[in-house]
Amino acid sequence: MLENRRRYIVLTSALFGVGFVLYGSIGLLTMQYDFDFINISNPWLRALAIALLGGYFFSSLMSGIIVVTRFISKRSFNEKIILAIFFVVPMYIVLGAAFYSIPYGIYNFIKYRQLKNNLYSY
């Protein structure tokens, strides 16, 4: 349990860093252009906003993949076949990670700290 929570924190944080660097470099390379979807006049703040959004996107995608993988791994063989036939449902759950990745990440971090403190308090 503690290992799964630690793995979730490490993987989502690592992917946030990768997305931050990739999208941050794109934001820096495109500083002279204006974007309609990010209405920030300062090019450095716009590049930072693009980097944060890229990091959040990668982290959310990893969060969704982890949650769906854990969900599917606990199902029986027949349920896995049904989920394979209706593969759109797990895909939407992965894409829906943008909405639950921050609350679940906070919850996971709090539970990880509680489990770690209980483990080492004896």
Protein backbone atom coordinates (compact mmCIF):
# COMPACT_ATOMS: atom_id res chain seq x y z
CA MET A 1 0.00 0.00 0.00
CA LEU A 2 2.74 2.45 0.99
CA GLU A 3 4.82 1.43 -2.02
CA ASN A 4 1.91 2.01 -4.43
CA ARG A 5 1.32 5.49 -3.03
CA ARG A 6 5.02 6.34 -3.22
CA ARG A 7 5.18 5.03 -6.79
CA TYR A 8 2.18 7.20 -7.74
CA ILE A 9 3.80 10.33 -6.27
CA VAL A 10 7.15 9.65 -7.93
CA LEU A 11 5.71 8.84 -11.36
CA THR A 12 3.29 11.75 -11.52
CA SER A 13 5.96 14.16 -10.26
CA ALA A 14 8.48 12.89 -12.79
CA LEU A 15 5.99 13.26 -15.62
CA PHE A 16 5.10 16.75 -14.39
CA GLY A 17 8.79 17.64 -14.66
CA VAL A 18 9.06 16.18 -18.17
CA GLY A 19 5.96 18.03 -19.35
CA PHE A 20 7.15 21.24 -17.69
CA VAL A 21 10.50 21.07 -19.48
CA LEU A 22 9.06 20.08 -22.87
CA TYR A 23 6.24 22.59 -22.93
CA GLY A 24 8.41 25.22 -21.26
CA SER A 25 10.93 24.95 -24.07
CA ILE A 26 8.11 25.24 -26.59
CA GLY A 27 6.84 28.30 -24.71
CA LEU A 28 10.31 29.84 -24.76
CA LEU A 29 10.79 29.13 -28.45
CA THR A 30 7.46 30.72 -29.32
CA MET A 31 7.77 33.80 -27.10
CA GLN A 32 7.46 36.23 -30.00
CA TYR A 33 4.07 34.87 -31.10
CA ASP A 34 0.69 35.71 -29.65
CA PHE A 35 -1.65 32.93 -28.61
CA ASP A 36 -5.39 33.28 -28.42
CA PHE A 37 -5.83 30.66 -25.70
CA ILE A 38 -3.33 32.24 -23.28
CA ASN A 39 -4.00 35.95 -22.98
CA ILE A 40 -0.88 36.99 -21.05
CA SER A 41 1.02 39.99 -22.39
CA ASN A 42 4.33 39.22 -20.67
CA PRO A 43 6.11 36.58 -22.82
CA TRP A 44 8.00 35.11 -19.82
CA LEU A 45 4.81 34.61 -17.83
CA ARG A 46 3.15 33.14 -20.91
CA ALA A 47 6.03 30.67 -21.31
CA LEU A 48 5.71 29.76 -17.62
CA ALA A 49 1.95 29.25 -18.01
CA ILE A 50 2.52 26.99 -21.02
CA ALA A 51 5.13 25.03 -19.04
CA LEU A 52 2.77 24.58 -16.08
CA LEU A 53 -0.07 23.46 -18.36
CA GLY A 54 2.24 20.97 -20.09
CA GLY A 55 3.41 19.57 -16.78
CA TYR A 56 -0.16 19.28 -15.57
CA PHE A 57 -1.18 17.54 -18.80
CA PHE A 58 1.56 14.91 -18.55
CA SER A 59 0.96 14.40 -14.82
CA SER A 60 -2.80 14.02 -15.34
CA LEU A 61 -2.28 11.54 -18.14
CA MET A 62 0.00 9.42 -15.94
CA SER A 63 -2.46 9.65 -13.06
CA GLY A 64 -5.26 8.39 -15.28
CA ILE A 65 -3.15 5.54 -16.61
CA ILE A 66 -2.18 4.44 -13.10
CA VAL A 67 -5.76 4.57 -11.79
CA VAL A 68 -7.21 2.71 -14.79
CA THR A 69 -4.45 0.09 -14.70
CA ARG A 70 -5.09 -0.59 -11.02
CA PHE A 71 -8.85 -0.71 -11.65
CA ILE A 72 -8.56 -3.15 -14.56
CA SER A 73 -5.98 -5.37 -12.83
CA LYS A 74 -8.46 -6.14 -10.03
CA ARG A 75 -11.18 -7.34 -12.42
CA SER A 76 -11.95 -10.91 -13.39
CA PHE A 77 -11.12 -12.27 -16.83
CA ASN A 78 -14.70 -11.87 -18.08
CA GLU A 79 -14.85 -8.28 -16.86
CA LYS A 80 -11.57 -7.55 -18.64
CA ILE A 81 -13.04 -8.90 -21.86
CA ILE A 82 -16.07 -6.63 -21.48
CA LEU A 83 -13.79 -3.65 -20.77
CA ALA A 84 -11.73 -4.56 -23.85
CA ILE A 85 -14.87 -4.58 -25.97
CA PHE A 86 -15.99 -1.24 -24.53
CA PHE A 87 -12.46 0.19 -24.60
CA VAL A 88 -13.83 3.72 -24.83
CA VAL A 89 -14.83 3.68 -21.15
CA PRO A 90 -11.25 3.24 -19.80
CA MET A 91 -10.02 5.80 -22.33
CA TYR A 92 -12.49 8.38 -21.04
CA ILE A 93 -11.45 7.60 -17.48
CA VAL A 94 -7.82 8.24 -18.43
CA LEU A 95 -8.73 11.49 -20.17
CA GLY A 96 -10.93 12.45 -17.23
CA ALA A 97 -7.82 12.44 -15.07
CA ALA A 98 -7.53 16.16 -15.71
CA PHE A 99 -10.44 16.62 -13.33
CA TYR A 100 -9.43 14.26 -10.53
CA SER A 101 -5.63 14.27 -10.63
CA ILE A 102 -5.15 17.23 -8.26
CA PRO A 103 -7.65 16.08 -5.59
CA TYR A 104 -6.45 12.49 -5.83
CA GLY A 105 -2.82 13.62 -5.74
CA ILE A 106 -3.43 15.61 -2.55
CA TYR A 107 -5.37 12.72 -1.00
CA ASN A 108 -2.65 10.27 -1.99
CA PHE A 109 0.08 12.46 -0.51
CA ILE A 110 -1.79 12.85 2.79
CA LYS A 111 -2.41 9.09 3.03
CA TYR A 112 1.23 8.40 2.16
CA ARG A 113 2.43 10.67 4.97
CA GLN A 114 -0.01 9.09 7.45
CA LEU A 115 1.04 5.55 6.51
CA LYS A 116 4.72 6.48 6.62
CA ASN A 117 4.36 8.14 10.04
CA ASN A 118 2.43 5.14 11.41
CA LEU A 119 5.01 2.75 10.01
CA TYR A 120 7.98 4.51 11.63
CA SER A 121 6.30 5.49 14.89
CA TYR A 122 6.83 2.10 16.51
